[in-house]
Amino acid sequence: MHGRLSESSKGWTKELRSISGNDKEAKYDIREWSPDHEKMGKGVTLSNEEIVELRDLLNKLEL
């Protein structure tokens, strides 16, 4: 899974990505990427349980 959340005026994109490897459970990563995807900013990595909790919290917001 891969999705763009926003783009800055300099072309960097904030993205949510599903990452997995070595037959381990997927984790979810949110961070900024340069236009060529050669550089990345600091981000946060969430487990499946944390992403579900985040989803539930977001669903409770009145937007």
C-alpha atoms as a PDB file:
ATOM      1  CA  MET A   1       0.000   0.000   0.000  1.00  0.00           C
ATOM      2  CA  HIS A   2       1.241   3.470  -0.841  1.00  0.00           C
ATOM      3  CA  GLY A   3      -0.568   6.785  -0.682  1.00  0.00           C
ATOM      4  CA  ARG A   4       0.319  10.462  -0.858  1.00  0.00           C
ATOM      5  CA  LEU A   5      -1.069  12.644   1.945  1.00  0.00           C
ATOM      6  CA  SER A   6       0.240  16.035   0.804  1.00  0.00           C
ATOM      7  CA  GLU A   7       2.870  17.842  -1.259  1.00  0.00           C
ATOM      8  CA  SER A   8       4.962  20.847  -0.218  1.00  0.00           C
ATOM      9  CA  SER A   9       5.739  23.840  -2.417  1.00  0.00           C
ATOM     10  CA  LYS A  10       9.227  22.351  -2.943  1.00  0.00           C
ATOM     11  CA  GLY A  11       7.809  19.086  -4.281  1.00  0.00           C
ATOM     12  CA  TRP A  12       8.405  16.921  -1.223  1.00  0.00           C
ATOM     13  CA  THR A  13       5.518  14.531  -0.587  1.00  0.00           C
ATOM     14  CA  LYS A  14       4.248  13.190   2.727  1.00  0.00           C
ATOM     15  CA  GLU A  15       3.368   9.551   2.168  1.00  0.00           C
ATOM     16  CA  LEU A  16       1.897   6.578   3.982  1.00  0.00           C
ATOM     17  CA  ARG A  17       3.554   3.318   2.968  1.00  0.00           C
ATOM     18  CA  SER A  18       3.156  -0.282   3.975  1.00  0.00           C
ATOM     19  CA  ILE A  19       6.580  -1.862   4.447  1.00  0.00           C
ATOM     20  CA  SER A  20       7.463  -5.482   5.072  1.00  0.00           C
ATOM     21  CA  GLY A  21      10.359  -7.815   4.679  1.00  0.00           C
ATOM     22  CA  ASN A  22      11.846 -11.094   5.828  1.00  0.00           C
ATOM     23  CA  ASP A  23       8.379 -12.660   6.193  1.00  0.00           C
ATOM     24  CA  LYS A  24       7.549 -10.235   9.033  1.00  0.00           C
ATOM     25  CA  GLU A  25       4.217  -8.516   9.633  1.00  0.00           C
ATOM     26  CA  ALA A  26       3.820  -5.318   7.626  1.00  0.00           C
ATOM     27  CA  LYS A  27       4.427  -1.985   9.327  1.00  0.00           C
ATOM     28  CA  TYR A  28       3.159   1.416   8.246  1.00  0.00           C
ATOM     29  CA  ASP A  29       5.494   4.317   7.647  1.00  0.00           C
ATOM     30  CA  ILE A  30       4.587   8.024   7.400  1.00  0.00           C
ATOM     31  CA  ARG A  31       7.361  10.379   6.226  1.00  0.00           C
ATOM     32  CA  GLU A  32       8.320  13.013   3.670  1.00  0.00           C
ATOM     33  CA  TRP A  33      10.126  12.112   0.445  1.00  0.00           C
ATOM     34  CA  SER A  34      12.051  14.278  -2.003  1.00  0.00           C
ATOM     35  CA  PRO A  35      10.652  14.560  -5.538  1.00  0.00           C
ATOM     36  CA  ASP A  36      13.113  11.917  -6.824  1.00  0.00           C
ATOM     37  CA  HIS A  37      12.588   9.668  -3.745  1.00  0.00           C
ATOM     38  CA  GLU A  38      16.364   9.742  -3.142  1.00  0.00           C
ATOM     39  CA  LYS A  39      16.039  11.586   0.202  1.00  0.00           C
ATOM     40  CA  MET A  40      13.595  11.168   3.047  1.00  0.00           C
ATOM     41  CA  GLY A  41      12.692  13.116   6.138  1.00  0.00           C
ATOM     42  CA  LYS A  42      12.149  11.869   9.650  1.00  0.00           C
ATOM     43  CA  GLY A  43       9.042   9.821  10.003  1.00  0.00           C
ATOM     44  CA  VAL A  44       7.101   7.491  12.209  1.00  0.00           C
ATOM     45  CA  THR A  45       6.599   3.743  11.859  1.00  0.00           C
ATOM     46  CA  LEU A  46       3.462   2.103  13.221  1.00  0.00           C
ATOM     47  CA  SER A  47       2.619  -1.554  13.819  1.00  0.00           C
ATOM     48  CA  ASN A  48      -0.635  -3.017  12.534  1.00  0.00           C
ATOM     49  CA  GLU A  49      -2.161  -2.620  16.002  1.00  0.00           C
ATOM     50  CA  GLU A  50      -1.083   1.043  16.157  1.00  0.00           C
ATOM     51  CA  ILE A  51      -2.458   1.857  12.697  1.00  0.00           C
ATOM     52  CA  VAL A  52      -5.811   0.317  13.689  1.00  0.00           C
ATOM     53  CA  GLU A  53      -5.831   2.425  16.875  1.00  0.00           C
ATOM     54  CA  LEU A  54      -4.950   5.531  14.852  1.00  0.00           C
ATOM     55  CA  ARG A  55      -7.783   4.782  12.418  1.00  0.00           C
ATOM     56  CA  ASP A  56     -10.231   4.409  15.288  1.00  0.00           C
ATOM     57  CA  LEU A  57      -9.084   7.705  16.838  1.00  0.00           C
ATOM     58  CA  LEU A  58      -9.399   9.515  13.507  1.00  0.00           C
ATOM     59  CA  ASN A  59     -12.881   8.121  12.972  1.00  0.00           C
ATOM     60  CA  LYS A  60     -13.946   9.734  16.265  1.00  0.00           C
ATOM     61  CA  LEU A  61     -12.876  13.222  15.142  1.00  0.00           C
ATOM     62  CA  GLU A  62     -15.540  15.624  14.026  1.00  0.00           C
ATOM     63  CA  LEU A  63     -14.081  17.013  10.817  1.00  0.00           C
END
